[in-house]
Amino acid sequence: MKTLILNGSPRPAGDTAALLAALKEALTGPFVQIDAYREKITPCLDCRACRTGDCPIPDRMREIGRLAEESGAILIASPVYFSSLTPPLAAIGSRLQSRYYASLRGEDAGAEKRGAVLLAAGGNGAPEGAYRMARQFLRLWGVKGEIPLAGAWETDRTPAALDREALRQAGRLAAFLEGR
């Protein structure tokens, strides 16, 4: 089963990257990672075309949607910015309006998927808002049932790469995503 990883971090060697490295090492199946900061996805413009069809914005969001549909599991990984996902991940999520309207029209989201959330937060960055947002996005992509959360907290004191429990949690998320 293929896993789609949506990475919301701008830092290729940061705390989210350390958690993702542990997760990817524990995955046994194929995966594809989308780095949201490098994709330049335009946020929803509220043109309302998605009420009756697909989003007309010409960027890679259609490809990301195709990858989500053909994946058996989706992981959203992000640093926590002001108790939320990073802006590029929020832009991707805003474009799921077309999935929302498709569900209102009774169109199926495709095969049921597994989903999970991996967050890194420093200081008093509370993960609840980011986790709630990520769960909403995953549900629109067809994730049913449990959506576990793992992460590293207080990364300003202990970097994720040194947080053994956070790294173990990331490995357990890999097993969950693959149904092991």
C-alpha atoms as a PDB file:
ATOM      1  CA  MET A   1       0.000   0.000   0.000  1.00  0.00           C
ATOM      2  CA  LYS A   2       1.343   3.418  -0.944  1.00  0.00           C
ATOM      3  CA  THR A   3       1.484   6.192   1.653  1.00  0.00           C
ATOM      4  CA  LEU A   4       1.160   9.853   0.680  1.00  0.00           C
ATOM      5  CA  ILE A   5       3.125  12.164   2.968  1.00  0.00           C
ATOM      6  CA  LEU A   6       2.195  15.847   2.944  1.00  0.00           C
ATOM      7  CA  ASN A   7       5.078  17.732   4.544  1.00  0.00           C
ATOM      8  CA  GLY A   8       4.290  21.262   5.683  1.00  0.00           C
ATOM      9  CA  SER A   9       7.766  22.194   6.877  1.00  0.00           C
ATOM     10  CA  PRO A  10       9.985  24.716   5.084  1.00  0.00           C
ATOM     11  CA  ARG A  11      13.107  23.321   6.783  1.00  0.00           C
ATOM     12  CA  PRO A  12      14.677  20.234   5.166  1.00  0.00           C
ATOM     13  CA  ALA A  13      16.704  19.496   8.324  1.00  0.00           C
ATOM     14  CA  GLY A  14      14.274  20.697  11.011  1.00  0.00           C
ATOM     15  CA  ASP A  15      12.201  18.984  13.676  1.00  0.00           C
ATOM     16  CA  THR A  16       9.461  17.813  11.294  1.00  0.00           C
ATOM     17  CA  ALA A  17      12.139  16.355   8.996  1.00  0.00           C
ATOM     18  CA  ALA A  18      13.624  14.384  11.909  1.00  0.00           C
ATOM     19  CA  LEU A  19      10.216  12.923  12.742  1.00  0.00           C
ATOM     20  CA  LEU A  20       9.570  12.136   9.079  1.00  0.00           C
ATOM     21  CA  ALA A  21      12.940  10.388   8.786  1.00  0.00           C
ATOM     22  CA  ALA A  22      11.974   8.061  11.656  1.00  0.00           C
ATOM     23  CA  LEU A  23       8.569   7.428  10.103  1.00  0.00           C
ATOM     24  CA  LYS A  24       9.941   6.741   6.610  1.00  0.00           C
ATOM     25  CA  GLU A  25      12.566   4.377   8.030  1.00  0.00           C
ATOM     26  CA  ALA A  26       9.749   2.359   9.640  1.00  0.00           C
ATOM     27  CA  LEU A  27       7.574   2.234   6.490  1.00  0.00           C
ATOM     28  CA  THR A  28       7.843  -1.071   4.643  1.00  0.00           C
ATOM     29  CA  GLY A  29       5.818  -0.074   1.572  1.00  0.00           C
ATOM     30  CA  PRO A  30       6.199   2.632  -1.051  1.00  0.00           C
ATOM     31  CA  PHE A  31       5.575   6.269  -0.249  1.00  0.00           C
ATOM     32  CA  VAL A  32       5.594   9.607  -2.001  1.00  0.00           C
ATOM     33  CA  GLN A  33       6.314  12.872  -0.190  1.00  0.00           C
ATOM     34  CA  ILE A  34       4.923  16.223  -1.242  1.00  0.00           C
ATOM     35  CA  ASP A  35       6.758  19.208   0.248  1.00  0.00           C
ATOM     36  CA  ALA A  36       4.074  21.874   0.463  1.00  0.00           C
ATOM     37  CA  TYR A  37       6.498  24.816   0.553  1.00  0.00           C
ATOM     38  CA  ARG A  38       7.984  23.760  -2.787  1.00  0.00           C
ATOM     39  CA  GLU A  39       4.661  23.136  -4.551  1.00  0.00           C
ATOM     40  CA  LYS A  40       3.373  26.734  -4.705  1.00  0.00           C
ATOM     41  CA  ILE A  41      -0.285  25.690  -4.441  1.00  0.00           C
ATOM     42  CA  THR A  42      -2.658  28.631  -4.783  1.00  0.00           C
ATOM     43  CA  PRO A  43      -5.206  28.788  -1.947  1.00  0.00           C
ATOM     44  CA  CYS A  44      -8.910  28.574  -2.737  1.00  0.00           C
ATOM     45  CA  LEU A  45     -10.101  31.759  -4.465  1.00  0.00           C
ATOM     46  CA  ASP A  46     -13.789  31.165  -3.685  1.00  0.00           C
ATOM     47  CA  CYS A  47     -14.655  31.182  -7.401  1.00  0.00           C
ATOM     48  CA  ARG A  48     -17.273  28.508  -6.598  1.00  0.00           C
ATOM     49  CA  ALA A  49     -16.578  26.447  -9.715  1.00  0.00           C
ATOM     50  CA  CYS A  50     -16.108  23.460  -7.388  1.00  0.00           C
ATOM     51  CA  ARG A  51     -19.803  23.509  -6.532  1.00  0.00           C
ATOM     52  CA  THR A  52     -20.537  21.810  -9.833  1.00  0.00           C
ATOM     53  CA  GLY A  53     -17.158  20.507 -11.006  1.00  0.00           C
ATOM     54  CA  ASP A  54     -13.430  20.541 -10.479  1.00  0.00           C
ATOM     55  CA  CYS A  55     -11.259  23.419  -9.327  1.00  0.00           C
ATOM     56  CA  PRO A  56     -10.019  25.434 -12.328  1.00  0.00           C
ATOM     57  CA  ILE A  57      -6.798  26.750 -10.737  1.00  0.00           C
ATOM     58  CA  PRO A  58      -3.879  25.524 -12.896  1.00  0.00           C
ATOM     59  CA  ASP A  59      -1.329  24.168 -10.422  1.00  0.00           C
ATOM     60  CA  ARG A  60      -0.277  20.744  -9.102  1.00  0.00           C
ATOM     61  CA  MET A  61      -3.258  20.357  -6.785  1.00  0.00           C
ATOM     62  CA  ARG A  62      -4.975  18.050  -9.284  1.00  0.00           C
ATOM     63  CA  GLU A  63      -1.864  15.804  -9.217  1.00  0.00           C
ATOM     64  CA  ILE A  64      -1.804  15.853  -5.405  1.00  0.00           C
ATOM     65  CA  GLY A  65      -5.478  14.861  -5.417  1.00  0.00           C
ATOM     66  CA  ARG A  66      -4.715  11.975  -7.785  1.00  0.00           C
ATOM     67  CA  LEU A  67      -1.898  10.802  -5.489  1.00  0.00           C
ATOM     68  CA  ALA A  68      -4.260  10.971  -2.501  1.00  0.00           C
ATOM     69  CA  GLU A  69      -6.879   8.919  -4.344  1.00  0.00           C
ATOM     70  CA  GLU A  70      -4.438   6.167  -5.302  1.00  0.00           C
ATOM     71  CA  SER A  71      -2.798   5.990  -1.859  1.00  0.00           C
ATOM     72  CA  GLY A  72      -4.016   3.691   0.880  1.00  0.00           C
ATOM     73  CA  ALA A  73      -2.755   6.005   3.613  1.00  0.00           C
ATOM     74  CA  ILE A  74      -2.144   9.728   4.028  1.00  0.00           C
ATOM     75  CA  LEU A  75       0.074  11.418   6.599  1.00  0.00           C
ATOM     76  CA  ILE A  76       0.008  15.140   7.298  1.00  0.00           C
ATOM     77  CA  ALA A  77       3.261  16.323   8.898  1.00  0.00           C
ATOM     78  CA  SER A  78       3.834  19.907   9.973  1.00  0.00           C
ATOM     79  CA  PRO A  79       5.426  22.249  12.429  1.00  0.00           C
ATOM     80  CA  VAL A  80       2.804  24.060  14.473  1.00  0.00           C
ATOM     81  CA  TYR A  81       2.563  27.736  13.548  1.00  0.00           C
ATOM     82  CA  PHE A  82       0.322  29.775  15.846  1.00  0.00           C
ATOM     83  CA  SER A  83      -1.599  26.617  16.828  1.00  0.00           C
ATOM     84  CA  SER A  84      -2.222  25.730  13.182  1.00  0.00           C
ATOM     85  CA  LEU A  85      -0.745  23.941  10.193  1.00  0.00           C
ATOM     86  CA  THR A  86       1.709  25.928   8.090  1.00  0.00           C
ATOM     87  CA  PRO A  87       0.228  28.237   5.413  1.00  0.00           C
ATOM     88  CA  PRO A  88       1.208  26.037   2.418  1.00  0.00           C
ATOM     89  CA  LEU A  89      -0.562  23.040   3.988  1.00  0.00           C
ATOM     90  CA  ALA A  90      -3.572  25.226   4.739  1.00  0.00           C
ATOM     91  CA  ALA A  91      -3.574  26.264   1.057  1.00  0.00           C
ATOM     92  CA  ILE A  92      -3.662  22.617  -0.005  1.00  0.00           C
ATOM     93  CA  GLY A  93      -6.468  21.980   2.467  1.00  0.00           C
ATOM     94  CA  SER A  94      -8.457  24.993   1.272  1.00  0.00           C
ATOM     95  CA  ARG A  95      -8.484  23.449  -2.195  1.00  0.00           C
ATOM     96  CA  LEU A  96     -10.358  20.436  -0.829  1.00  0.00           C
ATOM     97  CA  GLN A  97     -13.550  22.467  -1.270  1.00  0.00           C
ATOM     98  CA  SER A  98     -14.109  20.461  -4.452  1.00  0.00           C
ATOM     99  CA  ARG A  99     -14.025  17.218  -2.370  1.00  0.00           C
ATOM    100  CA  TYR A 100     -16.519  18.763   0.049  1.00  0.00           C
ATOM    101  CA  TYR A 101     -18.950  19.678  -2.722  1.00  0.00           C
ATOM    102  CA  ALA A 102     -18.471  16.289  -4.386  1.00  0.00           C
ATOM    103  CA  SER A 103     -19.501  14.639  -1.112  1.00  0.00           C
ATOM    104  CA  LEU A 104     -22.626  16.844  -0.996  1.00  0.00           C
ATOM    105  CA  ARG A 105     -23.450  15.644  -4.525  1.00  0.00           C
ATOM    106  CA  GLY A 106     -23.166  12.064  -3.249  1.00  0.00           C
ATOM    107  CA  GLU A 107     -19.920  11.329  -5.079  1.00  0.00           C
ATOM    108  CA  ASP A 108     -17.726   8.809  -3.312  1.00  0.00           C
ATOM    109  CA  ALA A 109     -14.297   9.859  -2.000  1.00  0.00           C
ATOM    110  CA  GLY A 110     -12.896   6.539  -3.238  1.00  0.00           C
ATOM    111  CA  ALA A 111     -11.522   3.650  -1.241  1.00  0.00           C
ATOM    112  CA  GLU A 112     -11.337   4.060   2.511  1.00  0.00           C
ATOM    113  CA  LYS A 113      -7.890   5.145   3.673  1.00  0.00           C
ATOM    114  CA  ARG A 114      -5.868   5.317   6.835  1.00  0.00           C
ATOM    115  CA  GLY A 115      -4.641   8.687   8.023  1.00  0.00           C
ATOM    116  CA  ALA A 116      -2.395  10.115  10.704  1.00  0.00           C
ATOM    117  CA  VAL A 117      -0.911  13.420  11.814  1.00  0.00           C
ATOM    118  CA  LEU A 118       2.688  14.142  12.823  1.00  0.00           C
ATOM    119  CA  LEU A 119       3.407  17.532  14.410  1.00  0.00           C
ATOM    120  CA  ALA A 120       6.377  19.409  15.869  1.00  0.00           C
ATOM    121  CA  ALA A 121       5.750  22.276  18.275  1.00  0.00           C
ATOM    122  CA  GLY A 122       8.055  24.531  20.240  1.00  0.00           C
ATOM    123  CA  GLY A 123       7.391  26.799  23.187  1.00  0.00           C
ATOM    124  CA  ASN A 124       3.781  26.760  24.201  1.00  0.00           C
ATOM    125  CA  GLY A 125       2.579  25.948  20.673  1.00  0.00           C
ATOM    126  CA  ALA A 126      -0.575  23.964  21.269  1.00  0.00           C
ATOM    127  CA  PRO A 127      -1.132  21.187  18.704  1.00  0.00           C
ATOM    128  CA  GLU A 128      -4.939  20.964  19.056  1.00  0.00           C
ATOM    129  CA  GLY A 129      -5.797  23.477  16.316  1.00  0.00           C
ATOM    130  CA  ALA A 130      -3.328  21.986  13.832  1.00  0.00           C
ATOM    131  CA  TYR A 131      -4.551  18.476  14.642  1.00  0.00           C
ATOM    132  CA  ARG A 132      -8.205  19.473  14.180  1.00  0.00           C
ATOM    133  CA  MET A 133      -7.451  21.085  10.805  1.00  0.00           C
ATOM    134  CA  ALA A 134      -5.426  18.076   9.610  1.00  0.00           C
ATOM    135  CA  ARG A 135      -8.234  15.686  10.594  1.00  0.00           C
ATOM    136  CA  GLN A 136     -10.737  17.723   8.560  1.00  0.00           C
ATOM    137  CA  PHE A 137      -8.500  17.528   5.497  1.00  0.00           C
ATOM    138  CA  LEU A 138      -7.952  13.778   5.928  1.00  0.00           C
ATOM    139  CA  ARG A 139     -11.698  13.117   6.249  1.00  0.00           C
ATOM    140  CA  LEU A 140     -12.314  14.908   2.947  1.00  0.00           C
ATOM    141  CA  TRP A 141      -9.763  12.576   1.339  1.00  0.00           C
ATOM    142  CA  GLY A 142     -11.685   9.511   2.528  1.00  0.00           C
ATOM    143  CA  VAL A 143      -9.976   8.703   5.832  1.00  0.00           C
ATOM    144  CA  LYS A 144     -12.379   6.931   8.172  1.00  0.00           C
ATOM    145  CA  GLY A 145     -11.979   5.824  11.759  1.00  0.00           C
ATOM    146  CA  GLU A 146      -9.104   6.697  14.039  1.00  0.00           C
ATOM    147  CA  ILE A 147      -6.641   9.422  13.048  1.00  0.00           C
ATOM    148  CA  PRO A 148      -3.760   9.180  15.519  1.00  0.00           C
ATOM    149  CA  LEU A 149      -1.522  12.088  16.451  1.00  0.00           C
ATOM    150  CA  ALA A 150       2.175  11.831  17.245  1.00  0.00           C
ATOM    151  CA  GLY A 151       4.791  14.499  17.611  1.00  0.00           C
ATOM    152  CA  ALA A 152       7.536  16.306  19.415  1.00  0.00           C
ATOM    153  CA  TRP A 153       6.540  19.035  21.849  1.00  0.00           C
ATOM    154  CA  GLU A 154       8.760  21.773  23.284  1.00  0.00           C
ATOM    155  CA  THR A 155      11.215  21.412  20.403  1.00  0.00           C
ATOM    156  CA  ASP A 156      12.781  24.700  21.442  1.00  0.00           C
ATOM    157  CA  ARG A 157      14.140  22.801  24.480  1.00  0.00           C
ATOM    158  CA  THR A 158      14.688  19.349  23.005  1.00  0.00           C
ATOM    159  CA  PRO A 159      15.072  18.998  19.235  1.00  0.00           C
ATOM    160  CA  ALA A 160      12.911  16.256  17.737  1.00  0.00           C
ATOM    161  CA  ALA A 161      16.030  14.400  16.578  1.00  0.00           C
ATOM    162  CA  LEU A 162      16.945  13.911  20.268  1.00  0.00           C
ATOM    163  CA  ASP A 163      13.433  13.147  21.521  1.00  0.00           C
ATOM    164  CA  ARG A 164      13.465   9.342  21.660  1.00  0.00           C
ATOM    165  CA  GLU A 165       9.791   9.050  22.552  1.00  0.00           C
ATOM    166  CA  ALA A 166       8.712  11.293  19.663  1.00  0.00           C
ATOM    167  CA  LEU A 167      10.853   9.250  17.258  1.00  0.00           C
ATOM    168  CA  ARG A 168       9.296   6.009  18.590  1.00  0.00           C
ATOM    169  CA  GLN A 169       5.828   7.520  18.115  1.00  0.00           C
ATOM    170  CA  ALA A 170       6.684   8.356  14.507  1.00  0.00           C
ATOM    171  CA  GLY A 171       7.695   4.734  13.923  1.00  0.00           C
ATOM    172  CA  ARG A 172       4.433   3.529  15.449  1.00  0.00           C
ATOM    173  CA  LEU A 173       2.517   5.841  13.108  1.00  0.00           C
ATOM    174  CA  ALA A 174       4.204   4.095  10.156  1.00  0.00           C
ATOM    175  CA  ALA A 175       2.923   0.731  11.426  1.00  0.00           C
ATOM    176  CA  PHE A 176      -0.568   2.183  11.881  1.00  0.00           C
ATOM    177  CA  LEU A 177      -0.617   3.673   8.378  1.00  0.00           C
ATOM    178  CA  GLU A 178       0.333   0.313   6.879  1.00  0.00           C
ATOM    179  CA  GLY A 179      -2.173  -1.609   9.010  1.00  0.00           C
ATOM    180  CA  ARG A 180       0.463  -3.567  10.924  1.00  0.00           C
END
